[in-house]
């Protein structure tokens, strides 16, 4: 069994390694790109690049913490500083003291690891230290009949037990597209989860394109849902009591949200959403609101035609940011750490196609007012703030990495 250290000791060890390397590699003004090397055997970190301070931005370096992950998707820190990481093929990995355990955690069921499906997001219960619950979003079923599921299991530090499915999308769908599957806790202890619209044309449900379900409040497809920690339905959900609506629905008119985060200071929920051909969106989520897809959108069909002639309609919420051409937005975090005071309250959104992070500055009214890019050089799948106040990135590669952004002195 691995030696256990306190979270303070573990974080101190990780930071000390990164700081020592920073002192050896900092050159001040120019970005220094270093060749990558496998670090999982020793727990050492490897600098990748440095960016000097400019225009009010802090100087920082990107550091490789781990590699050897196969298409990692989500990350969660345990109270003792260990790190849980999901791999889309259906494995849960753990890194202890900065070293990736070669043996996956046991206790997971089979998942549909096809296309965009697999083992996707992970989140710890807010009271994990007392109850040991870990939550998962994943694709379940067969290629011609599948759905997003949310489940929880107890983790004792070595294995999962007591696996419980607490939610599943009410309709099955064909093909392995648009599962959504990000998880985020609200301050009241309820859980938000994003559910994709079901897929692109020619995928249908009944006699219409499946994406039309995003406008049907009676369907889970194309929604953000809200449930209690045991899967029961909060009595104050916006459509509770509406016989034509699914009571789990919290917001609707979404295509495929793969970035979902709640500001720990304000409680405001944000989402980044895949468009089709362009039209990616950043949305500030509000209870019960309609975000337009597919009747109001800046996206176009992959064949090149219009999806809708409307980009904005009464009664629907317009996006804060539109990305055309598409950046393929992925994980999302809201920075509230102390390591980068210049970035307080900013959004950090992963970009798969652009292989970068988009930093979005938010003003006091909650509006996005400025945007800049941080190059990562690999497909970015998830972005999270760690308990040490640093920013961590998972890269969606066959040999995926965990990368950290650290401040440097300039």
Protein backbone atom coordinates (compact mmCIF):
# COMPACT_ATOMS: atom_id res chain seq x y z
CA UNK A 1 0.00 0.00 0.00
CA UNK A 2 1.29 3.46 -0.92
CA UNK A 3 2.67 5.63 1.87
CA UNK A 4 0.16 8.29 2.90
CA UNK A 5 1.14 11.91 3.47
CA UNK A 6 -0.91 14.87 4.61
CA UNK A 7 -2.34 17.11 1.87
CA UNK A 8 -0.10 19.96 3.04
CA UNK A 9 2.99 17.78 2.71
CA UNK A 10 1.95 16.48 -0.72
CA UNK A 11 1.21 19.90 -2.13
CA UNK A 12 4.45 21.22 -0.66
CA UNK A 13 6.37 18.42 -2.36
CA UNK A 14 4.73 19.07 -5.77
CA UNK A 15 5.35 22.81 -5.53
CA UNK A 16 8.92 22.45 -4.27
CA UNK A 17 9.83 20.31 -7.28
CA UNK A 18 8.27 22.80 -9.71
CA UNK A 19 9.90 25.79 -7.99
CA UNK A 20 13.34 24.21 -8.04
CA UNK A 21 13.06 23.55 -11.76
CA UNK A 22 11.78 27.09 -12.33
CA UNK A 23 14.93 28.53 -10.70
CA UNK A 24 17.08 26.44 -13.00
CA UNK A 25 15.22 27.26 -16.21
CA UNK A 26 13.96 30.82 -15.96
CA UNK A 27 15.57 33.16 -18.50
CA UNK A 28 13.29 36.14 -18.11
CA UNK A 29 12.04 37.38 -21.46
CA UNK A 30 11.89 34.55 -23.94
CA UNK A 31 9.76 31.40 -23.79
CA UNK A 32 11.99 28.37 -23.30
CA UNK A 33 10.48 25.21 -24.80
CA UNK A 34 11.85 22.01 -23.31
CA UNK A 35 11.58 18.51 -24.73
CA UNK A 36 9.04 16.33 -22.93
CA UNK A 37 10.09 13.25 -21.04
CA UNK A 38 8.29 10.59 -19.05
CA UNK A 39 8.06 11.56 -15.41
CA UNK A 40 5.71 8.98 -13.92
CA UNK A 41 8.53 6.85 -12.51
CA UNK A 42 10.04 9.55 -10.30
CA UNK A 43 7.28 12.04 -9.61
CA UNK A 44 9.46 14.88 -10.96
CA UNK A 45 7.97 17.64 -13.07
CA UNK A 46 9.27 18.83 -16.44
CA UNK A 47 9.04 22.47 -17.61
CA UNK A 48 7.46 22.84 -21.05
CA UNK A 49 7.46 26.60 -21.70
CA UNK A 50 7.69 29.98 -19.97
CA UNK A 51 5.69 33.12 -20.67
CA UNK A 52 6.96 36.44 -19.30
CA UNK A 53 4.65 38.95 -17.64
CA UNK A 54 3.02 41.44 -20.01
CA UNK A 55 -0.02 43.74 -20.23
CA UNK A 56 -1.04 43.10 -16.64
CA UNK A 57 -0.72 39.33 -16.98
CA UNK A 58 1.54 37.40 -14.60
CA UNK A 59 4.61 35.53 -15.75
CA UNK A 60 3.99 31.80 -15.71
CA UNK A 61 5.41 28.51 -16.88
CA UNK A 62 3.70 25.33 -18.01
CA UNK A 63 5.03 22.21 -16.31
CA UNK A 64 4.36 18.57 -17.13
CA UNK A 65 3.30 16.79 -13.94
CA UNK A 66 2.25 13.37 -15.30
CA UNK A 67 2.02 11.53 -18.57
CA UNK A 68 1.03 8.00 -19.58
CA UNK A 69 -2.74 8.69 -19.51
CA UNK A 70 -4.95 7.39 -22.31
CA UNK A 71 -7.42 10.08 -23.37
CA UNK A 72 -8.02 11.45 -19.86
CA UNK A 73 -11.32 13.30 -19.40
CA UNK A 74 -11.85 14.49 -15.81
CA UNK A 75 -9.87 15.10 -12.64
CA UNK A 76 -10.63 15.35 -8.91
CA UNK A 77 -8.37 15.90 -5.89
CA UNK A 78 -8.78 13.77 -2.78
CA UNK A 79 -8.50 15.44 0.65
CA UNK A 80 -5.02 13.91 1.18
CA UNK A 81 -3.70 15.42 -2.07
CA UNK A 82 -3.94 12.29 -4.23
CA UNK A 83 -5.49 12.81 -7.68
CA UNK A 84 -8.20 10.76 -9.41
CA UNK A 85 -8.31 10.92 -13.23
CA UNK A 86 -10.83 9.30 -15.56
CA UNK A 87 -9.71 7.81 -18.88
CA UNK A 88 -12.32 7.70 -21.63
CA UNK A 89 -11.70 3.99 -22.48
CA UNK A 90 -13.21 3.15 -19.07
CA UNK A 91 -10.46 3.34 -16.46
CA UNK A 92 -10.04 5.34 -13.26
CA UNK A 93 -6.43 6.19 -12.40
CA UNK A 94 -4.84 7.58 -9.26
CA UNK A 95 -1.65 9.60 -8.82
CA UNK A 96 -0.05 9.48 -5.36
CA UNK A 97 2.67 11.97 -4.43
CA UNK A 98 2.93 13.00 -8.09
CA UNK A 99 3.38 9.42 -9.35
CA UNK A 100 0.77 7.69 -11.52
CA UNK A 101 -0.15 4.28 -10.15
CA UNK A 102 0.17 1.80 -13.06
CA UNK A 103 -2.83 -0.21 -11.80
CA UNK A 104 -6.30 1.28 -12.45
CA UNK A 105 -8.80 1.55 -9.58
CA UNK A 106 -11.23 -1.39 -9.50
CA UNK A 107 -15.01 -1.29 -9.05
CA UNK A 108 -16.11 0.41 -12.28
CA UNK A 109 -18.79 -1.09 -14.57
CA UNK A 110 -18.40 -1.47 -18.32
CA UNK A 111 -18.89 1.73 -20.29
CA UNK A 112 -19.64 2.44 -23.95
CA UNK A 113 -16.18 3.54 -25.08
CA UNK A 114 -17.07 4.41 -28.67
CA UNK A 115 -16.86 7.71 -30.53
CA UNK A 116 -17.33 10.50 -28.00
CA UNK A 117 -18.53 8.07 -25.34
CA UNK A 118 -16.75 6.41 -22.47
CA UNK A 119 -15.93 7.15 -18.84
CA UNK A 120 -16.22 10.93 -18.75
CA UNK A 121 -16.43 13.38 -15.86
CA UNK A 122 -15.73 12.85 -12.15
CA UNK A 123 -16.62 14.89 -9.06
CA UNK A 124 -16.23 14.32 -5.33
CA UNK A 125 -19.17 14.87 -3.01
CA UNK A 126 -18.74 18.17 -1.14
CA UNK A 127 -18.60 16.09 2.07
CA UNK A 128 -16.36 13.39 0.61
CA UNK A 129 -14.07 13.35 3.66
CA UNK A 130 -17.04 12.11 5.72
CA UNK A 131 -19.08 10.02 3.26
CA UNK A 132 -16.48 8.89 0.60
CA UNK A 133 -18.87 9.34 -2.36
CA UNK A 134 -17.36 9.87 -5.83
CA UNK A 135 -19.64 10.78 -8.78
CA UNK A 136 -19.18 9.78 -12.42
CA UNK A 137 -20.78 10.65 -15.76
CA UNK A 138 -20.40 8.07 -18.52
CA UNK A 139 -21.85 6.60 -21.69
CA UNK A 140 -23.91 3.42 -21.20
CA UNK A 141 -25.45 0.96 -23.62
CA UNK A 142 -24.71 -0.15 -27.16
CA UNK A 143 -23.76 1.77 -30.26
CA UNK A 144 -27.37 1.67 -31.52
CA UNK A 145 -29.04 2.34 -28.14
CA UNK A 146 -27.12 4.39 -25.59
CA UNK A 147 -27.49 7.21 -23.08
CA UNK A 148 -25.64 9.29 -20.51
CA UNK A 149 -25.68 7.96 -16.97
CA UNK A 150 -24.64 9.49 -13.65
CA UNK A 151 -23.55 7.16 -10.86
CA UNK A 152 -21.81 7.32 -7.51
CA UNK A 153 -19.61 4.88 -5.61
CA UNK A 154 -17.68 4.86 -2.36
CA UNK A 155 -13.89 5.10 -2.56
CA UNK A 156 -11.75 3.85 0.32
CA UNK A 157 -8.42 4.95 -1.16
CA UNK A 158 -7.85 1.67 -2.99
CA UNK A 159 -11.10 0.58 -4.72
CA UNK A 160 -14.68 1.61 -5.49
CA UNK A 161 -17.68 -0.10 -3.93
CA UNK A 162 -21.46 0.29 -3.68
CA UNK A 163 -21.89 1.50 -7.28
CA UNK A 164 -25.26 3.26 -7.64
CA UNK A 165 -26.80 4.67 -10.84
CA UNK A 166 -28.63 7.80 -9.66
CA UNK A 167 -29.70 9.26 -13.04
CA UNK A 168 -29.95 8.24 -16.65
CA UNK A 169 -31.28 9.98 -19.73
CA UNK A 170 -34.85 8.83 -20.33
CA UNK A 171 -34.38 8.21 -24.08
CA UNK A 172 -31.80 5.99 -25.72
CA UNK A 173 -30.17 7.20 -28.92
CA UNK A 174 -28.16 5.70 -31.79
CA UNK A 175 -24.51 6.53 -32.54
CA UNK A 176 -21.88 7.69 -30.07
CA UNK A 177 -22.20 11.48 -30.18
CA UNK A 178 -23.03 14.35 -27.80
CA UNK A 179 -23.09 12.87 -24.31
CA UNK A 180 -22.32 16.19 -22.59
CA UNK A 181 -21.35 14.78 -19.20
CA UNK A 182 -19.79 17.59 -17.14
CA UNK A 183 -20.62 17.67 -13.43
CA UNK A 184 -20.62 20.66 -11.06
CA UNK A 185 -21.89 21.21 -7.52
CA UNK A 186 -24.01 24.22 -6.60
CA UNK A 187 -23.52 25.90 -3.20
CA UNK A 188 -26.71 24.28 -1.88
CA UNK A 189 -25.25 20.79 -2.36
CA UNK A 190 -27.24 19.90 -5.47
CA UNK A 191 -25.52 18.55 -8.58
CA UNK A 192 -25.64 20.02 -12.09
CA UNK A 193 -24.91 17.80 -15.08
CA UNK A 194 -24.80 18.63 -18.78
CA UNK A 195 -26.57 16.31 -21.22
CA UNK A 196 -25.92 16.54 -24.96
CA UNK A 197 -28.64 16.87 -27.59
CA UNK A 198 -28.11 13.37 -29.00
CA UNK A 199 -26.09 14.03 -32.13
CA UNK A 200 -25.86 15.51 -35.61
CA UNK A 201 -28.02 14.90 -38.69
CA UNK A 202 -29.06 12.43 -39.92
CA UNK A 203 -29.65 11.08 -36.37
CA UNK A 204 -33.36 11.17 -35.63
CA UNK A 205 -35.69 10.40 -32.73
CA UNK A 206 -39.17 9.56 -33.85
CA UNK A 207 -39.90 11.56 -36.99
CA UNK A 208 -37.55 14.53 -36.43
CA UNK A 209 -33.86 15.26 -36.01
CA UNK A 210 -32.80 14.30 -32.52
CA UNK A 211 -31.29 17.75 -31.88
CA UNK A 212 -34.84 19.17 -31.76
CA UNK A 213 -35.18 17.50 -28.34
CA UNK A 214 -33.08 20.34 -26.92
CA UNK A 215 -36.25 22.51 -27.14
CA UNK A 216 -38.47 19.83 -25.58
CA UNK A 217 -38.56 20.26 -21.80
CA UNK A 218 -40.04 16.77 -21.55
CA UNK A 219 -36.72 15.31 -22.72
CA UNK A 220 -33.34 15.21 -20.94
CA UNK A 221 -31.49 15.70 -24.23
CA UNK A 222 -29.87 19.10 -24.75
CA UNK A 223 -30.24 20.11 -21.12
CA UNK A 224 -28.51 20.94 -17.88
CA UNK A 225 -30.16 18.83 -15.21
CA UNK A 226 -30.12 19.33 -11.43
CA UNK A 227 -30.48 16.53 -8.90
CA UNK A 228 -29.85 15.94 -5.23
CA UNK A 229 -26.77 13.97 -4.19
CA UNK A 230 -28.80 10.72 -4.10
CA UNK A 231 -30.43 11.33 -7.50
CA UNK A 232 -33.74 12.57 -6.13
CA UNK A 233 -35.27 15.72 -7.59
CA UNK A 234 -35.01 19.08 -5.81
CA UNK A 235 -38.48 20.43 -5.14
CA UNK A 236 -37.48 23.91 -6.38
CA UNK A 237 -36.38 22.82 -9.85
CA UNK A 238 -38.02 25.13 -12.40
CA UNK A 239 -40.26 22.56 -14.09
CA UNK A 240 -41.39 20.57 -11.05
CA UNK A 241 -45.16 20.34 -11.26
CA UNK A 242 -45.26 20.74 -15.05
CA UNK A 243 -46.72 17.48 -16.32
CA UNK A 244 -45.21 18.01 -19.77
CA UNK A 245 -41.65 18.56 -18.51
CA UNK A 246 -38.93 16.38 -17.02
CA UNK A 247 -38.54 17.53 -13.40
CA UNK A 248 -34.74 17.24 -13.49
CA UNK A 249 -34.43 19.95 -16.17
CA UNK A 250 -32.66 23.11 -14.94
CA UNK A 251 -31.90 24.87 -18.26
CA UNK A 252 -32.45 23.87 -21.89
CA UNK A 253 -31.71 24.65 -25.52
CA UNK A 254 -28.13 23.35 -25.33
CA UNK A 255 -26.20 21.41 -27.96
CA UNK A 256 -23.29 19.72 -26.21
CA UNK A 257 -21.84 21.29 -23.05
CA UNK A 258 -18.38 19.93 -22.22
CA UNK A 259 -17.34 22.75 -19.91
CA UNK A 260 -19.36 23.40 -16.74
CA UNK A 261 -18.24 25.27 -13.64
CA UNK A 262 -19.73 27.07 -10.65
CA UNK A 263 -18.02 30.14 -9.21
CA UNK A 264 -17.17 29.25 -5.59
CA UNK A 265 -17.57 32.89 -4.53
CA UNK A 266 -20.75 33.94 -6.34
CA UNK A 267 -22.46 30.61 -7.00
CA UNK A 268 -22.89 31.56 -10.67
CA UNK A 269 -22.84 28.63 -13.11
CA UNK A 270 -21.07 28.94 -16.47
CA UNK A 271 -20.89 26.61 -19.47
CA UNK A 272 -18.90 26.26 -22.67
CA UNK A 273 -20.80 24.59 -25.45
CA UNK A 274 -19.84 23.00 -28.75
CA UNK A 275 -21.45 24.50 -31.82
CA UNK A 276 -21.62 22.62 -35.10
CA UNK A 277 -19.62 24.39 -37.82
CA UNK A 278 -18.64 27.41 -35.75
CA UNK A 279 -20.99 28.91 -33.22
CA UNK A 280 -19.29 27.57 -30.07
CA UNK A 281 -20.71 29.39 -27.04
CA UNK A 282 -19.89 30.62 -23.56
CA UNK A 283 -23.08 30.88 -21.52
CA UNK A 284 -23.87 32.25 -18.09
CA UNK A 285 -26.48 29.77 -16.90
CA UNK A 286 -29.73 30.84 -15.24
CA UNK A 287 -32.50 28.69 -13.79
CA UNK A 288 -35.22 27.66 -16.23
CA UNK A 289 -33.85 29.58 -19.21
CA UNK A 290 -33.77 28.59 -22.88
CA UNK A 291 -30.38 28.96 -24.62
CA UNK A 292 -31.75 28.64 -28.13
CA UNK A 293 -30.31 25.53 -29.76
CA UNK A 294 -31.13 24.68 -32.53
CA UNK A 295 -33.71 27.38 -33.35
CA UNK A 296 -31.39 30.31 -32.57
CA UNK A 297 -27.72 29.67 -33.27
CA UNK A 298 -24.59 31.00 -34.96
CA UNK A 299 -23.69 27.44 -36.04
CA UNK A 300 -24.02 26.13 -39.56
CA UNK A 301 -24.59 22.63 -40.86
CA UNK A 302 -21.45 20.61 -41.50
CA UNK A 303 -22.67 20.52 -45.11
CA UNK A 304 -22.44 24.33 -45.11
CA UNK A 305 -26.11 25.41 -44.98
CA UNK A 306 -27.95 27.29 -42.27
CA UNK A 307 -29.23 25.41 -39.25
CA UNK A 308 -31.56 28.31 -38.50
CA UNK A 309 -31.90 31.79 -40.00
CA UNK A 310 -32.16 33.15 -36.45
CA UNK A 311 -29.22 33.95 -34.20
CA UNK A 312 -31.31 35.52 -31.43
CA UNK A 313 -34.97 35.22 -30.47
CA UNK A 314 -37.21 36.71 -27.76
CA UNK A 315 -37.36 34.58 -24.63
CA UNK A 316 -33.99 32.96 -25.34
CA UNK A 317 -30.63 33.80 -23.75
CA UNK A 318 -27.85 34.99 -26.04
CA UNK A 319 -24.33 33.65 -25.45
CA UNK A 320 -21.69 35.78 -23.74
CA UNK A 321 -19.07 34.71 -26.30
CA UNK A 322 -19.35 33.11 -29.75
CA UNK A 323 -16.41 31.30 -31.34
CA UNK A 324 -16.45 31.02 -35.13
CA UNK A 325 -14.49 29.17 -36.41
CA UNK A 326 -14.92 26.58 -33.71
CA UNK A 327 -12.28 26.08 -31.02
CA UNK A 328 -14.07 22.90 -29.75
CA UNK A 329 -14.45 24.04 -26.12
CA UNK A 330 -13.80 21.50 -23.38
CA UNK A 331 -13.28 21.74 -19.62
CA UNK A 332 -13.92 24.99 -17.75
CA UNK A 333 -12.81 26.50 -14.45
CA UNK A 334 -13.28 29.83 -12.66
CA UNK A 335 -10.09 30.96 -11.02
CA UNK A 336 -10.31 31.87 -7.32
CA UNK A 337 -6.80 31.02 -6.12
CA UNK A 338 -4.04 33.19 -4.68
CA UNK A 339 -1.14 32.17 -6.94
CA UNK A 340 -2.33 34.41 -9.81
CA UNK A 341 -4.05 37.47 -8.27
CA UNK A 342 -4.28 39.09 -11.72
CA UNK A 343 -6.60 36.28 -12.82
CA UNK A 344 -9.12 36.46 -9.97
CA UNK A 345 -12.62 35.61 -11.21
CA UNK A 346 -11.51 34.86 -14.78
CA UNK A 347 -12.82 31.89 -16.76
CA UNK A 348 -10.34 29.39 -18.21
CA UNK A 349 -11.81 27.33 -21.05
CA UNK A 350 -10.07 24.44 -22.76
CA UNK A 351 -9.91 24.29 -26.57
CA UNK A 352 -9.46 20.92 -28.24
CA UNK A 353 -8.94 22.08 -31.82
CA UNK A 354 -6.79 25.11 -30.95
CA UNK A 355 -4.73 23.17 -28.40
CA UNK A 356 -4.91 26.01 -25.92
CA UNK A 357 -6.74 27.61 -23.03
CA UNK A 358 -8.89 30.68 -23.57
CA UNK A 359 -8.78 33.10 -20.62
CA UNK A 360 -11.96 35.17 -20.37
CA UNK A 361 -12.00 38.24 -18.17
CA UNK A 362 -15.31 38.88 -16.40
CA UNK A 363 -16.32 42.31 -15.09
CA UNK A 364 -18.24 43.11 -11.91
CA UNK A 365 -21.58 42.76 -13.71
CA UNK A 366 -20.71 39.20 -14.76
CA UNK A 367 -20.10 40.01 -18.42
CA UNK A 368 -17.13 38.68 -20.41
CA UNK A 369 -15.12 41.75 -21.49
CA UNK A 370 -11.80 40.43 -22.82
CA UNK A 371 -10.23 37.23 -24.12
CA UNK A 372 -6.70 35.91 -24.55
CA UNK A 373 -5.08 32.56 -25.35
CA UNK A 374 -2.57 30.38 -23.50
CA UNK A 375 -0.91 27.86 -25.80
CA UNK A 376 -0.65 24.26 -24.54
CA UNK A 377 0.33 22.53 -27.80
CA UNK A 378 -1.94 19.54 -27.22
CA UNK A 379 -5.70 18.96 -27.29
CA UNK A 380 -6.99 20.35 -24.00
CA UNK A 381 -9.70 18.18 -22.46
CA UNK A 382 -10.10 19.60 -18.96
CA UNK A 383 -9.03 22.67 -16.99
CA UNK A 384 -9.26 22.81 -13.19
CA UNK A 385 -7.97 24.87 -10.30
CA UNK A 386 -6.11 22.61 -7.90
CA UNK A 387 -6.26 22.87 -4.10
CA UNK A 388 -2.83 24.56 -4.25
CA UNK A 389 -4.31 27.49 -6.20
CA UNK A 390 -2.57 26.53 -9.46
CA UNK A 391 -4.24 25.73 -12.76
CA UNK A 392 -4.13 22.16 -14.07
CA UNK A 393 -4.77 20.90 -17.60
CA UNK A 394 -5.55 17.43 -18.94
CA UNK A 395 -4.60 16.77 -22.56
CA UNK A 396 -6.72 14.49 -24.72
CA UNK A 397 -4.05 12.34 -26.31
CA UNK A 398 -3.22 8.65 -26.49
CA UNK A 399 -0.33 9.55 -24.19
CA UNK A 400 -2.24 12.25 -22.34
CA UNK A 401 -0.61 14.53 -19.82
CA UNK A 402 -1.45 16.44 -16.66
CA UNK A 403 0.07 19.91 -17.02
CA UNK A 404 0.29 22.68 -14.42
CA UNK A 405 0.52 26.46 -14.83
CA UNK A 406 2.84 27.99 -12.21
CA UNK A 407 3.83 31.64 -11.54
CA UNK A 408 7.43 32.64 -12.17
CA UNK A 409 9.41 35.64 -11.04
CA UNK A 410 10.18 38.11 -13.83
